[in-house]
């Protein structure tokens, strides 16, 4: 299922402001994120979505931004510092053996994986870790690019999420790409 990790230099293309014309973070994430929330963003890259998320959660909220590439996180740190948002963002560099989020088990209000699940070598473990981090009833938005991920591959990812206990829900608004809204229901 994994197609390899996005090279760090592509991150500079992905933070281009023109991207907002076809993938606006506020429109995509705004309906799910509120002031004061704790949001988990695995595969944050250079923070195209992270910085808008940090603005949405406000000074009392927190974004836990996780990535496997230290160069991506370094660029995100610089961008967050420049934007005055670094105090709302917790950067976590992982080494490939999980998301490193056991310490926040049951504390996350919302999670989002944007264009990252197709890069994950073990989707079942990935979805299990995200589910464990979420509070009961919390939502997890998964968006994958149509150009990289076929309908069948995306269906496999959603099935992997459902196999670990997520329940799919209908999205309240249109989001580009292949999209699933997953809910952590009570056991």
Protein backbone atom coordinates (compact mmCIF):
# COMPACT_ATOMS: atom_id res chain seq x y z
CA UNK A 1 0.00 0.00 0.00
CA UNK A 2 2.84 2.44 0.77
CA UNK A 3 4.24 4.28 -2.25
CA UNK A 4 7.27 5.69 -0.49
CA UNK A 5 7.83 8.87 1.44
CA UNK A 6 7.36 12.24 -0.23
CA UNK A 7 10.84 13.82 -0.71
CA UNK A 8 11.39 16.78 1.61
CA UNK A 9 12.02 19.19 -1.29
CA UNK A 10 8.44 18.57 -2.54
CA UNK A 11 7.32 20.15 0.72
CA UNK A 12 8.32 23.56 -0.66
CA UNK A 13 5.93 23.05 -3.57
CA UNK A 14 3.15 21.92 -1.23
CA UNK A 15 3.24 25.10 0.88
CA UNK A 16 2.67 27.33 -2.13
CA UNK A 17 -0.09 29.87 -1.31
CA UNK A 18 -1.76 29.20 -4.68
CA UNK A 19 -2.73 25.78 -3.35
CA UNK A 20 -5.52 27.49 -1.40
CA UNK A 21 -7.40 27.94 -4.69
CA UNK A 22 -8.11 24.21 -4.86
CA UNK A 23 -7.37 23.00 -1.32
CA UNK A 24 -8.29 25.60 1.27
CA UNK A 25 -7.40 24.46 4.82
CA UNK A 26 -10.07 26.67 6.41
CA UNK A 27 -12.85 25.24 4.25
CA UNK A 28 -11.70 21.66 4.68
CA UNK A 29 -10.93 21.70 8.42
CA UNK A 30 -13.01 24.61 9.73
CA UNK A 31 -16.19 22.55 10.22
CA UNK A 32 -14.32 20.14 12.52
CA UNK A 33 -11.95 22.31 14.56
CA UNK A 34 -12.87 24.59 17.45
CA UNK A 35 -11.04 26.88 19.81
CA UNK A 36 -9.18 25.01 22.56
CA UNK A 37 -9.03 21.62 20.83
CA UNK A 38 -6.13 19.21 20.77
CA UNK A 39 -5.56 18.12 17.16
CA UNK A 40 -3.30 15.31 15.97
CA UNK A 41 -1.80 15.71 12.50
CA UNK A 42 0.36 12.76 11.45
CA UNK A 43 2.40 13.45 8.32
CA UNK A 44 2.33 17.21 8.80
CA UNK A 45 5.15 17.93 6.36
CA UNK A 46 6.10 21.62 6.29
CA UNK A 47 2.78 22.64 7.80
CA UNK A 48 0.49 23.65 4.95
CA UNK A 49 -2.44 22.52 7.13
CA UNK A 50 -0.67 22.82 10.50
CA UNK A 51 -0.46 26.61 10.61
CA UNK A 52 -4.16 27.13 9.77
CA UNK A 53 -5.02 24.45 12.34
CA UNK A 54 -2.96 26.33 14.96
CA UNK A 55 -4.95 29.48 14.22
CA UNK A 56 -8.23 27.56 14.50
CA UNK A 57 -7.46 26.02 17.90
CA UNK A 58 -6.43 29.39 19.32
CA UNK A 59 -4.02 30.06 22.16
CA UNK A 60 -5.61 27.45 24.44
CA UNK A 61 -5.48 24.69 21.84
CA UNK A 62 -2.62 22.53 20.65
CA UNK A 63 -1.56 20.83 17.44
CA UNK A 64 0.51 17.68 17.73
CA UNK A 65 2.36 17.63 14.41
CA UNK A 66 4.08 14.33 13.67
CA UNK A 67 6.44 13.57 10.79
CA UNK A 68 9.15 11.08 9.93
CA UNK A 69 11.31 13.67 8.14
CA UNK A 70 13.36 16.00 10.28
CA UNK A 71 13.81 18.46 7.38
CA UNK A 72 10.04 18.83 7.06
CA UNK A 73 9.72 19.50 10.79
CA UNK A 74 12.60 22.00 10.72
CA UNK A 75 10.85 23.95 7.96
CA UNK A 76 7.57 23.79 9.89
CA UNK A 77 9.32 25.07 13.02
CA UNK A 78 10.72 28.07 11.11
CA UNK A 79 7.34 28.82 9.51
CA UNK A 80 5.48 28.49 12.83
CA UNK A 81 8.01 30.72 14.60
CA UNK A 82 7.68 33.38 11.89
CA UNK A 83 3.87 33.20 12.11
CA UNK A 84 3.92 33.47 15.93
CA UNK A 85 2.24 30.07 16.30
CA UNK A 86 5.03 27.86 17.58
CA UNK A 87 3.68 27.89 21.14
CA UNK A 88 0.51 26.10 19.88
CA UNK A 89 2.36 23.39 17.94
CA UNK A 90 4.12 20.40 19.43
CA UNK A 91 6.52 18.96 16.86
CA UNK A 92 7.25 15.23 17.06
CA UNK A 93 9.88 13.52 14.96
CA UNK A 94 9.18 9.81 14.63
CA UNK A 95 11.60 7.15 13.47
CA UNK A 96 9.23 4.82 11.63
CA UNK A 97 8.22 2.55 14.50
CA UNK A 98 4.86 4.15 15.20
CA UNK A 99 3.48 7.61 15.76
CA UNK A 100 4.90 8.10 19.24
CA UNK A 101 1.58 9.26 20.69
CA UNK A 102 0.99 6.82 23.56
CA UNK A 103 1.37 9.69 26.04
CA UNK A 104 -1.74 11.39 24.64
CA UNK A 105 -3.97 8.33 24.65
CA UNK A 106 -7.63 9.37 24.87
CA UNK A 107 -6.81 13.11 24.87
CA UNK A 108 -7.14 14.15 21.21
CA UNK A 109 -10.31 15.96 20.09
CA UNK A 110 -9.74 15.65 16.33
CA UNK A 111 -7.21 14.00 14.02
CA UNK A 112 -6.47 14.62 10.38
CA UNK A 113 -4.32 12.71 7.88
CA UNK A 114 -4.03 14.70 4.69
CA UNK A 115 -2.30 12.97 1.79
CA UNK A 116 -0.36 10.63 4.05
CA UNK A 117 -2.06 7.25 4.52
CA UNK A 118 -0.79 6.01 1.14
CA UNK A 119 2.76 6.49 2.50
CA UNK A 120 2.16 4.44 5.66
CA UNK A 121 3.76 0.96 5.58
CA UNK A 122 1.29 -0.56 8.09
CA UNK A 123 -2.17 1.08 7.86
CA UNK A 124 -3.67 -1.14 10.59
CA UNK A 125 -1.06 0.00 13.13
CA UNK A 126 -1.41 3.60 11.97
CA UNK A 127 -5.19 3.61 12.41
CA UNK A 128 -4.91 1.79 15.74
CA UNK A 129 -2.53 4.43 17.13
CA UNK A 130 -4.67 7.34 15.93
CA UNK A 131 -7.79 5.69 17.38
CA UNK A 132 -6.08 5.21 20.76
CA UNK A 133 -5.08 8.89 20.84
CA UNK A 134 -8.64 10.09 20.20
CA UNK A 135 -11.29 10.74 22.82
CA UNK A 136 -14.47 8.68 22.56
CA UNK A 137 -16.72 10.15 19.87
CA UNK A 138 -13.91 12.16 18.28
CA UNK A 139 -13.49 12.40 14.52
CA UNK A 140 -10.64 11.54 12.19
CA UNK A 141 -10.60 13.07 8.71
CA UNK A 142 -8.62 11.17 6.08
CA UNK A 143 -7.98 12.79 2.69
CA UNK A 144 -5.97 11.11 -0.05
CA UNK A 145 -5.05 12.47 -3.50
CA UNK A 146 -6.89 10.88 -6.42
CA UNK A 147 -3.70 10.99 -8.49
CA UNK A 148 -1.80 8.73 -6.06
CA UNK A 149 -4.57 6.60 -4.61
CA UNK A 150 -7.11 4.58 -6.58
CA UNK A 151 -10.67 4.02 -5.38
CA UNK A 152 -9.78 0.43 -4.52
CA UNK A 153 -6.69 1.45 -2.54
CA UNK A 154 -8.72 4.03 -0.66
CA UNK A 155 -11.44 1.47 0.08
CA UNK A 156 -8.70 -0.80 1.51
CA UNK A 157 -7.54 2.04 3.78
CA UNK A 158 -11.07 2.74 5.02
CA UNK A 159 -11.59 -0.99 5.61
CA UNK A 160 -8.34 -1.10 7.64
CA UNK A 161 -9.65 1.79 9.76
CA UNK A 162 -13.01 0.09 10.28
CA UNK A 163 -11.26 -3.17 11.21
CA UNK A 164 -9.59 -1.45 14.16
CA UNK A 165 -12.85 0.06 15.40
CA UNK A 166 -13.55 3.25 13.46
CA UNK A 167 -17.01 3.88 12.05
CA UNK A 168 -17.41 5.81 8.78
CA UNK A 169 -19.71 8.81 8.73
CA UNK A 170 -21.08 10.89 5.86
CA UNK A 171 -19.18 14.12 5.37
CA UNK A 172 -21.21 17.29 5.95
CA UNK A 173 -19.45 19.15 3.11
CA UNK A 174 -17.58 18.43 -0.10
CA UNK A 175 -13.82 17.99 0.21
CA UNK A 176 -11.53 17.32 -2.76
CA UNK A 177 -9.73 14.03 -3.21
CA UNK A 178 -10.72 10.71 -1.69
CA UNK A 179 -12.17 11.43 1.73
CA UNK A 180 -13.34 9.49 4.78
CA UNK A 181 -14.68 10.85 8.03
CA UNK A 182 -14.07 8.27 10.74
CA UNK A 183 -15.52 8.29 14.25
CA UNK A 184 -14.16 6.67 17.38
CA UNK A 185 -17.33 5.16 18.79
CA UNK A 186 -17.58 3.88 22.32
CA UNK A 187 -16.49 0.29 22.79
